[in-house]
Amino acid sequence: MARVKGTEMDFSTPLDDISLAALKRDCRRTQEQVYRDYSRPAWTLAVRLSGSEATAWDAVQNGFVKAFEKIAQLERADRFGAWLRRIVVNQVMDAGRRSMDPLPEHHEPAEAAPDHDGALDLLRALGRLDALDRAVLWLHDVEGLTHGEIAETLDQSIPWSKTRLSRARSKARQWLQAPLQPPAGPGTDPEPANTTARSMPHGR
């Protein structure tokens, strides 16, 4: 797969026809390269939706295994990213649709820089949403899925997706606009943010 040195891969990065053909031949080398190229966006998506690094790890690993097993079903190489994203979302939802916990208030992504306060505030607001509100908001506003695609992925209706998105945006907006409140009690300092970076899973 052709890749410009130093560029960041995401789900919108197309796979080339030669790589797709190699994947369909179960080429181990190509599988490893594809994993390295797409594992970061897959991990980011999975941990945002699940709120659990353990669940995200399983979703990413199982998602790539399933994608490589079913690659013969994919006809167009340029659709690989969107196809893989849908598989990872389904893996997360299958693993913990009812048991996903909100992200901790100070959960920060590995790719976030310490001075990106606005981005961190948004992630903390996302972490306060319930699992489905968070999923709809992230899939629509960050991943760029349509309401039809979200409804299909989450096994819901389009009106349900639109209602969830409106509610999630309203809640997140309120939390972003509200000033941070220190813990109750005199002489108590706010809990410091955990700035320890989370590490990405790496393929072997």
C-alpha atoms as a PDB file:
ATOM      1  CA  MET A   1       0.000   0.000   0.000  1.00  0.00           C
ATOM      2  CA  ALA A   2       1.453   3.329  -1.055  1.00  0.00           C
ATOM      3  CA  ARG A   3       1.912   5.699   1.872  1.00  0.00           C
ATOM      4  CA  VAL A   4       3.539   9.115   2.061  1.00  0.00           C
ATOM      5  CA  LYS A   5       6.122   9.182   4.837  1.00  0.00           C
ATOM      6  CA  GLY A   6       4.980  11.165   7.857  1.00  0.00           C
ATOM      7  CA  THR A   7       1.287  11.198   6.960  1.00  0.00           C
ATOM      8  CA  GLU A   8      -1.359  10.184   9.496  1.00  0.00           C
ATOM      9  CA  MET A   9      -3.702   7.438   8.354  1.00  0.00           C
ATOM     10  CA  ASP A  10      -7.408   7.483   9.106  1.00  0.00           C
ATOM     11  CA  PHE A  11     -10.561   5.739   7.931  1.00  0.00           C
ATOM     12  CA  SER A  12     -10.795   8.079   4.930  1.00  0.00           C
ATOM     13  CA  THR A  13      -7.406   6.924   3.626  1.00  0.00           C
ATOM     14  CA  PRO A  14      -8.132   4.600   0.694  1.00  0.00           C
ATOM     15  CA  LEU A  15      -6.613   1.180   0.260  1.00  0.00           C
ATOM     16  CA  ASP A  16      -5.117   0.573  -3.165  1.00  0.00           C
ATOM     17  CA  ASP A  17      -6.232  -2.214  -5.483  1.00  0.00           C
ATOM     18  CA  ILE A  18      -2.930  -4.098  -5.186  1.00  0.00           C
ATOM     19  CA  SER A  19      -3.206  -4.237  -1.397  1.00  0.00           C
ATOM     20  CA  LEU A  20      -6.836  -5.376  -1.564  1.00  0.00           C
ATOM     21  CA  ALA A  21      -5.865  -8.159  -3.942  1.00  0.00           C
ATOM     22  CA  ALA A  22      -3.041  -9.190  -1.598  1.00  0.00           C
ATOM     23  CA  LEU A  23      -5.412  -9.245   1.385  1.00  0.00           C
ATOM     24  CA  LYS A  24      -7.720 -11.534  -0.572  1.00  0.00           C
ATOM     25  CA  ARG A  25      -4.777 -13.887  -1.040  1.00  0.00           C
ATOM     26  CA  ASP A  26      -4.239 -13.881   2.760  1.00  0.00           C
ATOM     27  CA  CYS A  27      -0.882 -12.146   2.371  1.00  0.00           C
ATOM     28  CA  ARG A  28       0.473 -11.926   5.919  1.00  0.00           C
ATOM     29  CA  ARG A  29       2.822  -9.056   5.127  1.00  0.00           C
ATOM     30  CA  THR A  30      -0.013  -6.956   3.706  1.00  0.00           C
ATOM     31  CA  GLN A  31      -2.222  -7.761   6.685  1.00  0.00           C
ATOM     32  CA  GLU A  32       0.481  -6.529   9.054  1.00  0.00           C
ATOM     33  CA  GLN A  33       0.946  -3.324   7.068  1.00  0.00           C
ATOM     34  CA  VAL A  34      -2.795  -2.639   6.959  1.00  0.00           C
ATOM     35  CA  TYR A  35      -3.018  -3.225  10.702  1.00  0.00           C
ATOM     36  CA  ARG A  36      -0.193  -0.769  11.353  1.00  0.00           C
ATOM     37  CA  ASP A  37      -1.770   1.834   9.073  1.00  0.00           C
ATOM     38  CA  TYR A  38      -5.340   1.651  10.398  1.00  0.00           C
ATOM     39  CA  SER A  39      -4.910   0.542  14.016  1.00  0.00           C
ATOM     40  CA  ARG A  40      -4.651   4.082  15.423  1.00  0.00           C
ATOM     41  CA  PRO A  41      -8.005   5.372  14.083  1.00  0.00           C
ATOM     42  CA  ALA A  42      -9.570   2.012  14.973  1.00  0.00           C
ATOM     43  CA  TRP A  43      -8.253   2.250  18.546  1.00  0.00           C
ATOM     44  CA  THR A  44      -9.354   5.883  18.945  1.00  0.00           C
ATOM     45  CA  LEU A  45     -12.853   5.041  17.731  1.00  0.00           C
ATOM     46  CA  ALA A  46     -13.162   1.941  19.910  1.00  0.00           C
ATOM     47  CA  VAL A  47     -12.005   3.619  23.122  1.00  0.00           C
ATOM     48  CA  ARG A  48     -14.257   6.634  22.530  1.00  0.00           C
ATOM     49  CA  LEU A  49     -17.304   4.417  22.034  1.00  0.00           C
ATOM     50  CA  SER A  50     -16.605   1.934  24.806  1.00  0.00           C
ATOM     51  CA  GLY A  51     -15.004   4.047  27.504  1.00  0.00           C
ATOM     52  CA  SER A  52     -12.882   1.005  28.288  1.00  0.00           C
ATOM     53  CA  GLU A  53      -9.383   0.320  27.053  1.00  0.00           C
ATOM     54  CA  ALA A  54      -9.868  -3.422  27.555  1.00  0.00           C
ATOM     55  CA  THR A  55     -13.040  -3.393  25.456  1.00  0.00           C
ATOM     56  CA  ALA A  56     -11.340  -1.203  22.843  1.00  0.00           C
ATOM     57  CA  TRP A  57      -8.382  -3.575  22.629  1.00  0.00           C
ATOM     58  CA  ASP A  58     -10.662  -6.571  22.062  1.00  0.00           C
ATOM     59  CA  ALA A  59     -12.780  -4.666  19.532  1.00  0.00           C
ATOM     60  CA  VAL A  60      -9.743  -3.630  17.504  1.00  0.00           C
ATOM     61  CA  GLN A  61      -8.155  -7.075  17.510  1.00  0.00           C
ATOM     62  CA  ASN A  62     -11.412  -8.879  16.730  1.00  0.00           C
ATOM     63  CA  GLY A  63     -12.347  -6.252  14.165  1.00  0.00           C
ATOM     64  CA  PHE A  64      -9.176  -6.750  12.138  1.00  0.00           C
ATOM     65  CA  VAL A  65      -9.494 -10.526  12.353  1.00  0.00           C
ATOM     66  CA  LYS A  66     -13.065 -10.339  11.085  1.00  0.00           C
ATOM     67  CA  ALA A  67     -12.121  -7.870   8.365  1.00  0.00           C
ATOM     68  CA  PHE A  68      -9.348 -10.114   7.045  1.00  0.00           C
ATOM     69  CA  GLU A  69     -11.617 -13.172   7.220  1.00  0.00           C
ATOM     70  CA  LYS A  70     -14.389 -11.443   5.253  1.00  0.00           C
ATOM     71  CA  ILE A  71     -12.224  -9.352   2.903  1.00  0.00           C
ATOM     72  CA  ALA A  72     -13.505 -11.296  -0.101  1.00  0.00           C
ATOM     73  CA  GLN A  73     -16.859  -9.527   0.406  1.00  0.00           C
ATOM     74  CA  LEU A  74     -15.288  -6.105  -0.238  1.00  0.00           C
ATOM     75  CA  GLU A  75     -15.329  -5.191  -3.924  1.00  0.00           C
ATOM     76  CA  ARG A  76     -13.884  -1.669  -3.857  1.00  0.00           C
ATOM     77  CA  ALA A  77     -10.501  -0.907  -2.305  1.00  0.00           C
ATOM     78  CA  ASP A  78     -11.423   2.735  -1.673  1.00  0.00           C
ATOM     79  CA  ARG A  79     -14.231   1.602   0.646  1.00  0.00           C
ATOM     80  CA  PHE A  80     -11.935  -0.351   2.973  1.00  0.00           C
ATOM     81  CA  GLY A  81     -11.685   2.361   5.646  1.00  0.00           C
ATOM     82  CA  ALA A  82     -15.436   2.860   5.948  1.00  0.00           C
ATOM     83  CA  TRP A  83     -15.967  -0.903   5.898  1.00  0.00           C
ATOM     84  CA  LEU A  84     -13.397  -1.472   8.655  1.00  0.00           C
ATOM     85  CA  ARG A  85     -14.892   1.334  10.745  1.00  0.00           C
ATOM     86  CA  ARG A  86     -18.320  -0.302  10.613  1.00  0.00           C
ATOM     87  CA  ILE A  87     -16.818  -3.633  11.701  1.00  0.00           C
ATOM     88  CA  VAL A  88     -15.039  -2.025  14.676  1.00  0.00           C
ATOM     89  CA  VAL A  89     -18.206  -0.192  15.741  1.00  0.00           C
ATOM     90  CA  ASN A  90     -20.158  -3.429  15.599  1.00  0.00           C
ATOM     91  CA  GLN A  91     -17.479  -5.187  17.647  1.00  0.00           C
ATOM     92  CA  VAL A  92     -17.688  -2.514  20.357  1.00  0.00           C
ATOM     93  CA  MET A  93     -21.469  -2.622  20.433  1.00  0.00           C
ATOM     94  CA  ASP A  94     -21.585  -6.403  20.486  1.00  0.00           C
ATOM     95  CA  ALA A  95     -19.046  -6.517  23.312  1.00  0.00           C
ATOM     96  CA  GLY A  96     -20.703  -4.085  25.655  1.00  0.00           C
ATOM     97  CA  ARG A  97     -23.880  -2.432  24.347  1.00  0.00           C
ATOM     98  CA  ARG A  98     -25.490  -2.544  27.795  1.00  0.00           C
ATOM     99  CA  SER A  99     -22.435  -2.442  30.022  1.00  0.00           C
ATOM    100  CA  MET A 100     -20.320   0.412  28.662  1.00  0.00           C
ATOM    101  CA  ASP A 101     -19.341   2.846  31.408  1.00  0.00           C
ATOM    102  CA  PRO A 102     -18.836   6.577  30.843  1.00  0.00           C
ATOM    103  CA  LEU A 103     -15.273   7.665  30.220  1.00  0.00           C
ATOM    104  CA  PRO A 104     -13.539   8.904  33.381  1.00  0.00           C
ATOM    105  CA  GLU A 105     -13.599  12.695  33.631  1.00  0.00           C
ATOM    106  CA  HIS A 106      -9.838  12.919  33.166  1.00  0.00           C
ATOM    107  CA  HIS A 107      -9.469  10.239  30.479  1.00  0.00           C
ATOM    108  CA  GLU A 108      -7.226  11.733  27.818  1.00  0.00           C
ATOM    109  CA  PRO A 109      -6.241  10.266  24.439  1.00  0.00           C
ATOM    110  CA  ALA A 110      -2.650   9.491  23.561  1.00  0.00           C
ATOM    111  CA  GLU A 111      -2.786  11.889  20.646  1.00  0.00           C
ATOM    112  CA  ALA A 112      -3.987  14.888  22.673  1.00  0.00           C
ATOM    113  CA  ALA A 113      -1.363  17.499  23.487  1.00  0.00           C
ATOM    114  CA  PRO A 114      -1.374  19.017  27.003  1.00  0.00           C
ATOM    115  CA  ASP A 115      -2.064  22.531  25.703  1.00  0.00           C
ATOM    116  CA  HIS A 116      -5.133  21.549  23.677  1.00  0.00           C
ATOM    117  CA  ASP A 117      -7.537  22.615  26.418  1.00  0.00           C
ATOM    118  CA  GLY A 118     -10.527  22.923  24.101  1.00  0.00           C
ATOM    119  CA  ALA A 119     -10.067  19.402  22.757  1.00  0.00           C
ATOM    120  CA  LEU A 120      -9.675  17.967  26.253  1.00  0.00           C
ATOM    121  CA  ASP A 121     -12.783  19.808  27.476  1.00  0.00           C
ATOM    122  CA  LEU A 122     -14.741  18.295  24.597  1.00  0.00           C
ATOM    123  CA  LEU A 123     -13.471  14.803  25.394  1.00  0.00           C
ATOM    124  CA  ARG A 124     -14.415  15.227  29.044  1.00  0.00           C
ATOM    125  CA  ALA A 125     -17.893  16.361  28.014  1.00  0.00           C
ATOM    126  CA  LEU A 126     -18.158  13.278  25.796  1.00  0.00           C
ATOM    127  CA  GLY A 127     -17.142  11.166  28.765  1.00  0.00           C
ATOM    128  CA  ARG A 128     -20.141  12.388  30.754  1.00  0.00           C
ATOM    129  CA  LEU A 129     -22.636  11.259  28.116  1.00  0.00           C
ATOM    130  CA  ASP A 130     -24.248   7.846  28.327  1.00  0.00           C
ATOM    131  CA  ALA A 131     -22.933   5.207  25.957  1.00  0.00           C
ATOM    132  CA  LEU A 132     -25.436   5.618  23.122  1.00  0.00           C
ATOM    133  CA  ASP A 133     -25.476   9.433  23.191  1.00  0.00           C
ATOM    134  CA  ARG A 134     -21.695   9.369  23.089  1.00  0.00           C
ATOM    135  CA  ALA A 135     -21.679   6.892  20.203  1.00  0.00           C
ATOM    136  CA  VAL A 136     -24.107   8.912  18.081  1.00  0.00           C
ATOM    137  CA  LEU A 137     -22.296  12.194  18.712  1.00  0.00           C
ATOM    138  CA  TRP A 138     -18.869  10.737  17.969  1.00  0.00           C
ATOM    139  CA  LEU A 139     -19.977   8.824  14.871  1.00  0.00           C
ATOM    140  CA  HIS A 140     -21.836  11.793  13.396  1.00  0.00           C
ATOM    141  CA  ASP A 141     -19.687  14.788  14.331  1.00  0.00           C
ATOM    142  CA  VAL A 142     -16.224  13.199  14.343  1.00  0.00           C
ATOM    143  CA  GLU A 143     -16.427  10.139  12.085  1.00  0.00           C
ATOM    144  CA  GLY A 144     -18.823  11.804   9.657  1.00  0.00           C
ATOM    145  CA  LEU A 145     -21.431   9.041   9.417  1.00  0.00           C
ATOM    146  CA  THR A 146     -24.908   9.927   8.185  1.00  0.00           C
ATOM    147  CA  HIS A 147     -27.974   9.292  10.319  1.00  0.00           C
ATOM    148  CA  GLY A 148     -28.828   6.418   8.018  1.00  0.00           C
ATOM    149  CA  GLU A 149     -25.424   4.829   8.575  1.00  0.00           C
ATOM    150  CA  ILE A 150     -25.626   5.376  12.336  1.00  0.00           C
ATOM    151  CA  ALA A 151     -29.112   3.886  12.498  1.00  0.00           C
ATOM    152  CA  GLU A 152     -27.973   0.825  10.552  1.00  0.00           C
ATOM    153  CA  THR A 153     -24.834   0.398  12.652  1.00  0.00           C
ATOM    154  CA  LEU A 154     -26.632   0.717  15.994  1.00  0.00           C
ATOM    155  CA  ASP A 155     -29.757  -1.164  14.848  1.00  0.00           C
ATOM    156  CA  GLN A 156     -32.017   1.832  15.377  1.00  0.00           C
ATOM    157  CA  SER A 157     -34.134   4.206  13.284  1.00  0.00           C
ATOM    158  CA  ILE A 158     -33.081   7.445  11.608  1.00  0.00           C
ATOM    159  CA  PRO A 159     -35.425   9.566  13.815  1.00  0.00           C
ATOM    160  CA  TRP A 160     -33.872   7.870  16.866  1.00  0.00           C
ATOM    161  CA  SER A 161     -30.392   8.854  15.657  1.00  0.00           C
ATOM    162  CA  LYS A 162     -31.447  12.466  15.052  1.00  0.00           C
ATOM    163  CA  THR A 163     -33.084  12.718  18.491  1.00  0.00           C
ATOM    164  CA  ARG A 164     -30.038  11.215  20.222  1.00  0.00           C
ATOM    165  CA  LEU A 165     -27.680  13.578  18.400  1.00  0.00           C
ATOM    166  CA  SER A 166     -29.726  16.646  19.328  1.00  0.00           C
ATOM    167  CA  ARG A 167     -29.856  15.588  22.972  1.00  0.00           C
ATOM    168  CA  ALA A 168     -26.164  14.716  23.105  1.00  0.00           C
ATOM    169  CA  ARG A 169     -25.147  18.046  21.571  1.00  0.00           C
ATOM    170  CA  SER A 170     -27.352  19.936  24.023  1.00  0.00           C
ATOM    171  CA  LYS A 171     -25.848  18.160  27.029  1.00  0.00           C
ATOM    172  CA  ALA A 172     -22.269  18.530  25.791  1.00  0.00           C
ATOM    173  CA  ARG A 173     -22.835  22.243  25.056  1.00  0.00           C
ATOM    174  CA  GLN A 174     -24.139  22.848  28.574  1.00  0.00           C
ATOM    175  CA  TRP A 175     -21.147  21.105  30.133  1.00  0.00           C
ATOM    176  CA  LEU A 176     -18.667  22.952  27.910  1.00  0.00           C
ATOM    177  CA  GLN A 177     -20.191  26.329  28.810  1.00  0.00           C
ATOM    178  CA  ALA A 178     -20.497  25.650  32.542  1.00  0.00           C
ATOM    179  CA  PRO A 179     -17.507  26.641  34.715  1.00  0.00           C
ATOM    180  CA  LEU A 180     -15.700  23.833  36.487  1.00  0.00           C
ATOM    181  CA  GLN A 181     -16.928  23.441  40.057  1.00  0.00           C
ATOM    182  CA  PRO A 182     -14.386  22.574  42.789  1.00  0.00           C
ATOM    183  CA  PRO A 183     -15.236  19.721  45.143  1.00  0.00           C
ATOM    184  CA  ALA A 184     -17.403  20.583  48.148  1.00  0.00           C
ATOM    185  CA  GLY A 185     -15.696  21.380  51.403  1.00  0.00           C
ATOM    186  CA  PRO A 186     -13.386  24.163  52.574  1.00  0.00           C
ATOM    187  CA  GLY A 187      -9.716  23.961  51.738  1.00  0.00           C
ATOM    188  CA  THR A 188     -10.169  21.207  49.192  1.00  0.00           C
ATOM    189  CA  ASP A 189      -8.223  21.560  45.974  1.00  0.00           C
ATOM    190  CA  PRO A 190      -9.716  20.250  42.709  1.00  0.00           C
ATOM    191  CA  GLU A 191      -8.457  16.842  41.723  1.00  0.00           C
ATOM    192  CA  PRO A 192      -5.544  17.240  39.269  1.00  0.00           C
ATOM    193  CA  ALA A 193      -6.049  15.942  35.762  1.00  0.00           C
ATOM    194  CA  ASN A 194      -4.297  12.703  34.922  1.00  0.00           C
ATOM    195  CA  THR A 195      -2.053  13.604  32.034  1.00  0.00           C
ATOM    196  CA  THR A 196      -0.562  10.143  31.694  1.00  0.00           C
ATOM    197  CA  ALA A 197      -0.772   9.228  28.023  1.00  0.00           C
ATOM    198  CA  ARG A 198      -2.550   6.042  27.114  1.00  0.00           C
ATOM    199  CA  SER A 199      -0.509   3.782  24.889  1.00  0.00           C
ATOM    200  CA  MET A 200      -1.715   2.448  21.594  1.00  0.00           C
ATOM    201  CA  PRO A 201      -1.943  -1.265  20.959  1.00  0.00           C
ATOM    202  CA  HIS A 202       0.627  -2.354  18.432  1.00  0.00           C
ATOM    203  CA  GLY A 203       0.377  -5.199  15.984  1.00  0.00           C
ATOM    204  CA  ARG A 204       2.920  -7.974  15.841  1.00  0.00           C
END
